[in-house]
Structures are given as structure tokens and as C-alpha cells.
N, C-alpha and C. Protein backbone atom coordinates (compact mmCIF):
# COMPACT_ATOMS: atom_id res chain seq x y z
N UNK A 1 0.06 -23.68 -18.22
CA UNK A 1 -1.40 -23.51 -17.74
C UNK A 1 -2.06 -22.46 -18.88
N UNK A 2 -3.09 -22.68 -19.19
CA UNK A 2 -4.11 -21.54 -20.04
C UNK A 2 -4.20 -20.44 -19.08
N UNK A 3 -4.00 -19.03 -19.62
CA UNK A 3 -4.13 -17.99 -18.67
C UNK A 3 -5.56 -17.76 -18.08
N UNK A 4 -6.61 -18.38 -18.51
CA UNK A 4 -7.81 -18.29 -18.03
C UNK A 4 -8.02 -19.39 -16.86
N UNK A 5 -6.91 -20.00 -16.73
CA UNK A 5 -7.25 -20.98 -15.41
C UNK A 5 -5.99 -20.30 -14.40
N UNK A 6 -5.23 -19.25 -14.60
CA UNK A 6 -4.60 -18.74 -13.56
C UNK A 6 -5.37 -17.77 -12.58
N UNK A 7 -4.67 -17.71 -11.53
CA UNK A 7 -5.23 -16.80 -10.42
C UNK A 7 -4.01 -16.02 -9.78
N UNK A 8 -4.10 -14.52 -9.97
CA UNK A 8 -5.27 -13.85 -10.74
C UNK A 8 -5.25 -14.19 -12.12
N UNK A 9 -6.29 -13.79 -12.62
CA UNK A 9 -6.19 -14.18 -14.25
C UNK A 9 -5.74 -12.81 -15.18
N UNK A 10 -4.77 -13.30 -15.90
CA UNK A 10 -4.05 -12.35 -16.41
C UNK A 10 -4.85 -11.69 -17.63
N UNK A 11 -4.61 -10.38 -18.05
CA UNK A 11 -5.13 -9.75 -19.08
C UNK A 11 -4.86 -10.44 -20.35
N UNK A 12 -5.64 -10.38 -21.51
CA UNK A 12 -5.32 -11.01 -22.65
C UNK A 12 -4.68 -10.01 -23.82
N UNK A 13 -4.44 -8.74 -23.12
CA UNK A 13 -3.89 -7.80 -24.00
C UNK A 13 -2.30 -8.28 -24.26
N UNK A 14 -2.30 -8.24 -25.77
CA UNK A 14 -0.82 -8.23 -26.39
C UNK A 14 -0.24 -7.04 -27.04
N UNK A 15 -0.72 -5.85 -26.59
CA UNK A 15 -0.43 -4.51 -27.20
C UNK A 15 -0.12 -4.30 -28.61
N UNK A 16 -1.23 -5.04 -29.09
CA UNK A 16 -1.72 -4.49 -30.37
C UNK A 16 -3.28 -3.88 -30.27
N UNK A 17 -3.06 -2.66 -30.00
CA UNK A 17 -4.76 -1.93 -29.58
C UNK A 17 -5.05 -1.26 -30.90
N UNK A 18 -5.98 -2.05 -31.47
CA UNK A 18 -6.69 -1.30 -32.54
C UNK A 18 -7.82 -2.17 -32.66
N UNK A 19 -8.81 -1.12 -32.71
CA UNK A 19 -10.33 -1.59 -32.67
C UNK A 19 -10.80 -1.68 -34.12
N UNK A 20 -11.37 -3.00 -34.51
CA UNK A 20 -11.64 -3.29 -35.53
C UNK A 20 -13.27 -2.82 -35.95
N UNK A 21 -13.64 -1.77 -36.81
CA UNK A 21 -14.56 -1.31 -36.93
C UNK A 21 -16.05 -2.35 -37.31
N UNK A 22 -15.40 -3.14 -38.14
CA UNK A 22 -16.42 -4.06 -38.66
C UNK A 22 -17.07 -4.98 -37.57
N UNK A 23 -16.17 -5.00 -36.66
CA UNK A 23 -16.67 -6.32 -35.49
C UNK A 23 -16.61 -5.85 -34.23
N UNK A 24 -16.19 -4.44 -33.96
CA UNK A 24 -16.09 -3.97 -32.73
C UNK A 24 -15.48 -4.53 -31.62
N UNK A 25 -14.16 -5.38 -32.29
CA UNK A 25 -13.23 -6.12 -31.28
C UNK A 25 -12.00 -5.43 -31.40
N UNK A 26 -11.01 -5.56 -30.46
CA UNK A 26 -9.61 -5.23 -30.66
C UNK A 26 -8.79 -6.27 -31.23
N UNK A 27 -8.27 -5.81 -32.37
CA UNK A 27 -7.45 -6.97 -33.23
C UNK A 27 -6.36 -7.74 -32.23
N UNK A 28 -5.97 -7.08 -31.30
CA UNK A 28 -4.97 -7.91 -30.55
C UNK A 28 -5.43 -9.03 -29.47
N UNK A 29 -6.79 -8.51 -28.86
CA UNK A 29 -6.83 -9.24 -27.52
C UNK A 29 -8.39 -9.89 -28.12
N UNK A 30 -9.08 -9.22 -28.96
CA UNK A 30 -10.47 -10.03 -29.24
C UNK A 30 -11.68 -9.56 -28.07
N UNK A 31 -11.27 -8.38 -27.70
CA UNK A 31 -12.40 -7.95 -26.53
C UNK A 31 -12.90 -6.82 -27.02
N UNK A 32 -14.09 -6.60 -26.60
CA UNK A 32 -14.85 -5.28 -27.08
C UNK A 32 -14.37 -4.16 -26.05
N UNK A 33 -14.68 -2.92 -26.49
CA UNK A 33 -14.13 -1.96 -25.60
C UNK A 33 -14.85 -1.87 -24.39
N UNK A 34 -15.97 -2.32 -24.43
CA UNK A 34 -16.63 -2.39 -22.79
C UNK A 34 -15.84 -3.38 -21.89
N UNK A 35 -15.50 -4.62 -22.61
CA UNK A 35 -14.46 -5.40 -21.58
C UNK A 35 -13.16 -5.02 -21.37
N UNK A 36 -12.55 -4.47 -22.27
CA UNK A 36 -11.47 -3.81 -21.95
C UNK A 36 -11.62 -2.75 -20.86
N UNK A 37 -12.39 -1.60 -20.98
CA UNK A 37 -12.49 -0.80 -19.79
C UNK A 37 -13.00 -1.39 -18.39
N UNK A 38 -13.46 -2.62 -18.39
CA UNK A 38 -14.30 -2.89 -17.16
C UNK A 38 -12.73 -4.05 -16.57
N UNK A 39 -12.06 -4.30 -17.48
CA UNK A 39 -11.12 -5.09 -17.09
C UNK A 39 -10.59 -5.09 -15.67
N UNK A 40 -10.23 -3.82 -15.46
CA UNK A 40 -9.10 -3.62 -13.95
C UNK A 40 -9.97 -3.68 -12.82
N UNK A 41 -11.32 -3.64 -13.01
CA UNK A 41 -12.32 -3.66 -11.83
C UNK A 41 -12.92 -4.94 -11.67
N UNK A 42 -12.89 -5.89 -12.60
CA UNK A 42 -13.78 -7.02 -12.76
C UNK A 42 -13.05 -8.15 -11.98
N UNK A 43 -13.92 -9.04 -11.36
CA UNK A 43 -13.74 -10.15 -10.38
C UNK A 43 -13.00 -11.25 -11.50
N UNK A 44 -12.24 -12.15 -10.63
CA UNK A 44 -11.59 -13.24 -11.62
C UNK A 44 -12.71 -13.99 -12.11
N UNK A 45 -13.88 -14.27 -11.79
CA UNK A 45 -14.93 -14.81 -12.38
C UNK A 45 -15.37 -14.07 -13.60
N UNK A 46 -15.40 -12.91 -13.55
CA UNK A 46 -15.89 -12.11 -14.95
C UNK A 46 -14.75 -12.10 -15.94
N UNK A 47 -13.44 -11.94 -15.62
CA UNK A 47 -12.42 -12.21 -16.36
C UNK A 47 -12.44 -13.52 -17.03
N UNK A 48 -12.73 -14.61 -16.24
CA UNK A 48 -12.61 -15.87 -16.91
C UNK A 48 -13.99 -16.03 -18.00
N UNK A 49 -14.92 -15.32 -17.69
CA UNK A 49 -16.16 -15.18 -18.66
C UNK A 49 -15.62 -14.55 -19.95
N UNK A 50 -14.93 -13.35 -19.86
CA UNK A 50 -14.37 -12.68 -20.94
C UNK A 50 -13.47 -13.72 -21.92
N UNK A 51 -12.56 -14.37 -20.89
CA UNK A 51 -11.60 -15.10 -21.66
C UNK A 51 -12.49 -16.19 -22.25
N UNK A 52 -13.54 -16.66 -21.92
CA UNK A 52 -14.36 -17.76 -22.42
C UNK A 52 -14.77 -17.03 -23.82
N UNK A 53 -15.25 -15.85 -23.86
CA UNK A 53 -15.83 -15.20 -25.18
C UNK A 53 -14.61 -15.08 -26.03
N UNK A 54 -13.50 -14.71 -25.56
CA UNK A 54 -12.21 -14.56 -26.41
C UNK A 54 -11.87 -16.08 -27.20
N UNK A 55 -12.00 -17.11 -26.53
CA UNK A 55 -11.93 -18.41 -27.12
C UNK A 55 -13.01 -18.78 -28.03
N UNK A 56 -14.02 -18.42 -27.63
CA UNK A 56 -15.46 -18.48 -28.70
C UNK A 56 -15.19 -17.64 -29.96
N UNK A 57 -14.89 -16.54 -29.77
CA UNK A 57 -14.31 -15.55 -30.94
C UNK A 57 -13.17 -16.13 -31.88
N UNK A 58 -12.26 -16.77 -31.20
CA UNK A 58 -11.04 -17.40 -31.76
C UNK A 58 -11.48 -18.30 -32.87
N UNK A 59 -12.35 -19.23 -32.19
CA UNK A 59 -12.88 -20.51 -33.08
C UNK A 59 -13.80 -19.96 -34.07
N UNK A 60 -14.29 -18.72 -34.32
CA UNK A 60 -15.14 -18.40 -35.11
C UNK A 60 -14.46 -17.71 -36.12
N UNK A 61 -13.19 -17.23 -36.15
CA UNK A 61 -12.36 -16.37 -37.12
C UNK A 61 -11.65 -17.37 -38.20
N UNK A 62 -11.82 -17.04 -39.34
CA UNK A 62 -11.24 -17.75 -40.52
C UNK A 62 -9.89 -17.23 -40.61
N UNK A 63 -8.90 -17.79 -39.85
CA UNK A 63 -7.42 -17.31 -39.89
C UNK A 63 -6.64 -17.58 -41.22
N UNK A 64 -7.45 -17.99 -42.23
CA UNK A 64 -6.99 -18.14 -43.67
C UNK A 64 -5.59 -18.39 -43.79
């Protein structure tokens, strides 16, 4: 099952915590610092919205 469909919604963190200055995204989980900070108090609905953004970001990356 996709993590974004689970309840409770799991964190996308994979313990590669490095912010990419060019994009403002974490290299590990593709979240912004604001999304990372808010995660702990976010509702499942908000977490699913972040997961949707992560999926969108993944689709835009040229993994080359």
C-alpha cells in the first residue's frame, strides 16, 4: 500500500536530511523545510497533501 494511503500517514523521511539550496527541498524526502517542521502536528489530510506534492516533485525530476 502506498504510504500516503495509510492511516496514520507515515513520514516520507528516509534519514537523508540535506537541504538542496537550488530547490529548497530536502534531498531525501523532497519536502520543504516548512513541510518538515509542520509534519509532527499536521492532520492526516495535510500529510496526504504533502505526499501529493512529493509525488508531483518526483515526476518533475530528471533522475538521469
